[in-house]
Amino acid sequence: MKRKSGWLHKEVWGASADRIRALLPKAFDTLEKAIDEGSYQAALALIKLAGLEGVASEIGPDDAEKIMKKKKQDEKWEELFRL
């Protein structure tokens, strides 16, 4: 009887996964509409979903002193490689 139960379990979850996949286009349409209407929550949810959270922090420093320090370091590296 356990074998039949396992098959039924897979069948139910498989059908559920198909239904979820079928709803994705509607979900994306709703998300797009919310973003178009200016919802920062929807925009942030999309950024998180896409895995882009924190990407801006990887771009580089945003403090003037750190920017100047980074620029000097970059110039030193350029100078070393020109030799």
N, C-alpha and C. Protein backbone atom coordinates (compact mmCIF):
# COMPACT_ATOMS: atom_id res chain seq x y z
N MET A 1 0.82 -1.20 0.00
CA MET A 1 0.00 0.00 0.00
C MET A 1 0.86 1.26 0.00
N LYS A 2 2.06 1.14 0.56
CA LYS A 2 2.96 2.29 0.61
C LYS A 2 3.34 2.74 -0.80
N ARG A 3 3.50 1.79 -1.71
CA ARG A 3 3.87 2.11 -3.08
C ARG A 3 2.81 2.97 -3.75
N LYS A 4 1.56 2.62 -3.56
CA LYS A 4 0.45 3.36 -4.14
C LYS A 4 0.40 4.77 -3.55
N SER A 5 0.65 4.87 -2.26
CA SER A 5 0.66 6.16 -1.57
C SER A 5 1.74 7.08 -2.13
N GLY A 6 2.93 6.54 -2.40
CA GLY A 6 4.01 7.32 -2.96
C GLY A 6 3.68 7.83 -4.35
N TRP A 7 3.04 6.99 -5.15
CA TRP A 7 2.63 7.39 -6.50
C TRP A 7 1.60 8.51 -6.43
N LEU A 8 0.64 8.39 -5.51
CA LEU A 8 -0.40 9.41 -5.35
C LEU A 8 0.22 10.73 -4.89
N HIS A 9 1.16 10.63 -3.98
CA HIS A 9 1.87 11.83 -3.49
C HIS A 9 2.54 12.56 -4.65
N LYS A 10 3.26 11.83 -5.50
CA LYS A 10 3.93 12.44 -6.65
C LYS A 10 2.91 13.04 -7.62
N GLU A 11 1.80 12.35 -7.81
CA GLU A 11 0.75 12.82 -8.72
C GLU A 11 0.16 14.14 -8.23
N VAL A 12 -0.13 14.23 -6.94
CA VAL A 12 -0.71 15.45 -6.36
C VAL A 12 0.28 16.60 -6.46
N TRP A 13 1.54 16.36 -6.09
CA TRP A 13 2.54 17.43 -6.14
C TRP A 13 2.85 17.83 -7.57
N GLY A 14 2.85 16.89 -8.47
CA GLY A 14 3.07 17.20 -9.87
C GLY A 14 1.98 18.09 -10.43
N ALA A 15 0.74 17.78 -10.09
CA ALA A 15 -0.39 18.60 -10.54
C ALA A 15 -0.32 19.99 -9.92
N SER A 16 0.07 20.06 -8.66
CA SER A 16 0.20 21.36 -7.99
C SER A 16 1.28 22.21 -8.65
N ALA A 17 2.39 21.60 -8.98
CA ALA A 17 3.49 22.32 -9.62
C ALA A 17 3.04 22.83 -11.00
N ASP A 18 2.27 22.02 -11.72
CA ASP A 18 1.76 22.46 -13.02
C ASP A 18 0.83 23.66 -12.88
N ARG A 19 -0.01 23.65 -11.87
CA ARG A 19 -0.93 24.77 -11.64
C ARG A 19 -0.16 26.04 -11.28
N ILE A 20 0.88 25.89 -10.47
CA ILE A 20 1.70 27.05 -10.10
C ILE A 20 2.39 27.61 -11.34
N ARG A 21 2.97 26.74 -12.16
CA ARG A 21 3.62 27.21 -13.40
C ARG A 21 2.63 27.92 -14.31
N ALA A 22 1.40 27.44 -14.36
CA ALA A 22 0.38 28.05 -15.22
C ALA A 22 0.00 29.45 -14.73
N LEU A 23 0.15 29.70 -13.44
CA LEU A 23 -0.19 31.01 -12.87
C LEU A 23 0.92 32.04 -12.99
N LEU A 24 2.12 31.60 -13.31
CA LEU A 24 3.26 32.53 -13.38
C LEU A 24 3.06 33.69 -14.35
N PRO A 25 2.55 33.48 -15.55
CA PRO A 25 2.35 34.64 -16.44
C PRO A 25 1.42 35.70 -15.82
N LYS A 26 0.36 35.25 -15.16
CA LYS A 26 -0.55 36.20 -14.50
C LYS A 26 0.17 36.94 -13.36
N ALA A 27 0.98 36.20 -12.63
CA ALA A 27 1.72 36.82 -11.52
C ALA A 27 2.69 37.87 -12.04
N PHE A 28 3.37 37.57 -13.13
CA PHE A 28 4.30 38.54 -13.71
C PHE A 28 3.56 39.76 -14.27
N ASP A 29 2.39 39.52 -14.86
CA ASP A 29 1.58 40.65 -15.34
C ASP A 29 1.17 41.56 -14.20
N THR A 30 0.75 40.96 -13.09
CA THR A 30 0.34 41.73 -11.91
C THR A 30 1.52 42.50 -11.34
N LEU A 31 2.67 41.86 -11.28
CA LEU A 31 3.87 42.51 -10.78
C LEU A 31 4.26 43.68 -11.68
N GLU A 32 4.21 43.47 -12.98
CA GLU A 32 4.54 44.53 -13.93
C GLU A 32 3.59 45.72 -13.77
N LYS A 33 2.31 45.43 -13.63
CA LYS A 33 1.31 46.50 -13.46
C LYS A 33 1.59 47.28 -12.18
N ALA A 34 1.89 46.57 -11.10
CA ALA A 34 2.17 47.23 -9.82
C ALA A 34 3.40 48.13 -9.93
N ILE A 35 4.43 47.66 -10.61
CA ILE A 35 5.65 48.46 -10.79
C ILE A 35 5.34 49.68 -11.65
N ASP A 36 4.56 49.47 -12.73
CA ASP A 36 4.18 50.59 -13.60
C ASP A 36 3.39 51.65 -12.83
N GLU A 37 2.65 51.22 -11.82
CA GLU A 37 1.85 52.15 -11.01
C GLU A 37 2.67 52.77 -9.88
N GLY A 38 3.96 52.42 -9.81
CA GLY A 38 4.85 53.05 -8.84
C GLY A 38 5.02 52.32 -7.52
N SER A 39 4.70 51.06 -7.47
CA SER A 39 4.83 50.30 -6.22
C SER A 39 6.30 49.94 -5.96
N TYR A 40 6.89 50.61 -4.97
CA TYR A 40 8.28 50.29 -4.64
C TYR A 40 8.38 48.91 -4.02
N GLN A 41 7.32 48.45 -3.34
CA GLN A 41 7.34 47.11 -2.75
C GLN A 41 7.44 46.04 -3.85
N ALA A 42 6.68 46.25 -4.92
CA ALA A 42 6.72 45.29 -6.03
C ALA A 42 8.09 45.33 -6.71
N ALA A 43 8.63 46.52 -6.89
CA ALA A 43 9.94 46.65 -7.52
C ALA A 43 11.01 45.97 -6.67
N LEU A 44 10.96 46.18 -5.37
CA LEU A 44 11.92 45.56 -4.47
C LEU A 44 11.77 44.04 -4.47
N ALA A 45 10.53 43.56 -4.50
CA ALA A 45 10.30 42.11 -4.55
C ALA A 45 10.92 41.52 -5.80
N LEU A 46 10.78 42.22 -6.93
CA LEU A 46 11.36 41.73 -8.18
C LEU A 46 12.88 41.71 -8.12
N ILE A 47 13.46 42.75 -7.54
CA ILE A 47 14.92 42.81 -7.39
C ILE A 47 15.41 41.64 -6.54
N LYS A 48 14.72 41.37 -5.45
CA LYS A 48 15.10 40.24 -4.59
C LYS A 48 14.93 38.92 -5.32
N LEU A 49 13.81 38.79 -6.03
CA LEU A 49 13.53 37.55 -6.76
C LEU A 49 14.59 37.28 -7.81
N ALA A 50 15.06 38.34 -8.45
CA ALA A 50 16.07 38.21 -9.50
C ALA A 50 17.47 38.00 -8.94
N GLY A 51 17.62 38.10 -7.61
CA GLY A 51 18.93 37.91 -7.00
C GLY A 51 19.84 39.11 -7.15
N LEU A 52 19.27 40.27 -7.37
CA LEU A 52 20.08 41.47 -7.59
C LEU A 52 20.21 42.33 -6.33
N GLU A 53 19.70 41.83 -5.24
CA GLU A 53 19.79 42.56 -3.98
C GLU A 53 21.26 42.73 -3.60
N GLY A 54 21.66 43.94 -3.32
CA GLY A 54 23.03 44.21 -2.91
C GLY A 54 23.99 44.43 -4.06
N VAL A 55 23.52 44.36 -5.29
CA VAL A 55 24.41 44.54 -6.44
C VAL A 55 25.01 45.94 -6.45
N ALA A 56 24.24 46.93 -6.08
CA ALA A 56 24.73 48.31 -6.10
C ALA A 56 25.93 48.47 -5.17
N SER A 57 25.95 47.74 -4.08
CA SER A 57 27.07 47.87 -3.16
C SER A 57 28.35 47.29 -3.75
N GLU A 58 28.23 46.46 -4.77
CA GLU A 58 29.39 45.86 -5.40
C GLU A 58 29.97 46.75 -6.50
N ILE A 59 29.27 47.80 -6.85
CA ILE A 59 29.73 48.68 -7.92
C ILE A 59 31.00 49.42 -7.52
N GLY A 60 31.03 49.90 -6.31
CA GLY A 60 32.19 50.62 -5.83
C GLY A 60 31.81 51.53 -4.68
N PRO A 61 32.79 52.26 -4.17
CA PRO A 61 32.52 53.14 -3.03
C PRO A 61 31.60 54.31 -3.41
N ASP A 62 30.85 54.79 -2.41
CA ASP A 62 29.97 55.93 -2.65
C ASP A 62 30.32 57.13 -1.79
N ASP A 63 31.37 57.00 -1.02
CA ASP A 63 31.86 58.09 -0.18
C ASP A 63 33.00 58.80 -0.92
N ALA A 64 33.00 60.14 -0.93
CA ALA A 64 33.99 60.91 -1.69
C ALA A 64 35.42 60.53 -1.33
N GLU A 65 35.70 60.38 -0.05
CA GLU A 65 37.06 60.04 0.39
C GLU A 65 37.46 58.66 -0.12
N LYS A 66 36.53 57.71 -0.04
CA LYS A 66 36.83 56.36 -0.52
C LYS A 66 37.00 56.34 -2.04
N ILE A 67 36.22 57.16 -2.73
CA ILE A 67 36.33 57.23 -4.18
C ILE A 67 37.71 57.74 -4.58
N MET A 68 38.18 58.80 -3.90
CA MET A 68 39.50 59.36 -4.20
C MET A 68 40.60 58.35 -3.89
N LYS A 69 40.46 57.65 -2.79
CA LYS A 69 41.45 56.64 -2.40
C LYS A 69 41.50 55.53 -3.46
N LYS A 70 40.33 55.08 -3.90
CA LYS A 70 40.26 54.03 -4.92
C LYS A 70 40.86 54.53 -6.23
N LYS A 71 40.59 55.77 -6.58
CA LYS A 71 41.13 56.34 -7.82
C LYS A 71 42.66 56.36 -7.77
N LYS A 72 43.22 56.77 -6.63
CA LYS A 72 44.68 56.79 -6.48
C LYS A 72 45.26 55.38 -6.60
N GLN A 73 44.60 54.41 -5.97
CA GLN A 73 45.07 53.03 -6.05
C GLN A 73 45.04 52.54 -7.50
N ASP A 74 43.95 52.85 -8.21
CA ASP A 74 43.84 52.45 -9.61
C ASP A 74 44.94 53.08 -10.46
N GLU A 75 45.22 54.36 -10.19
CA GLU A 75 46.28 55.06 -10.94
C GLU A 75 47.63 54.42 -10.68
N LYS A 76 47.89 54.02 -9.42
CA LYS A 76 49.16 53.35 -9.09
C LYS A 76 49.28 52.03 -9.85
N TRP A 77 48.20 51.27 -9.90
CA TRP A 77 48.22 50.00 -10.62
C TRP A 77 48.47 50.22 -12.10
N GLU A 78 47.81 51.23 -12.67
CA GLU A 78 48.03 51.55 -14.08
C GLU A 78 49.49 51.90 -14.34
N GLU A 79 50.06 52.69 -13.45
CA GLU A 79 51.45 53.11 -13.58
C GLU A 79 52.38 51.89 -13.53
N LEU A 80 52.11 50.98 -12.63
CA LEU A 80 52.94 49.78 -12.51
C LEU A 80 52.87 48.93 -13.77
N PHE A 81 51.71 48.82 -14.36
CA PHE A 81 51.55 47.96 -15.53
C PHE A 81 52.02 48.62 -16.82
N ARG A 82 52.22 49.92 -16.81
CA ARG A 82 52.73 50.60 -18.00
C ARG A 82 54.22 50.35 -18.19
N LEU A 83 54.92 49.98 -17.13
CA LEU A 83 56.36 49.74 -17.22
C LEU A 83 56.64 48.58 -18.06
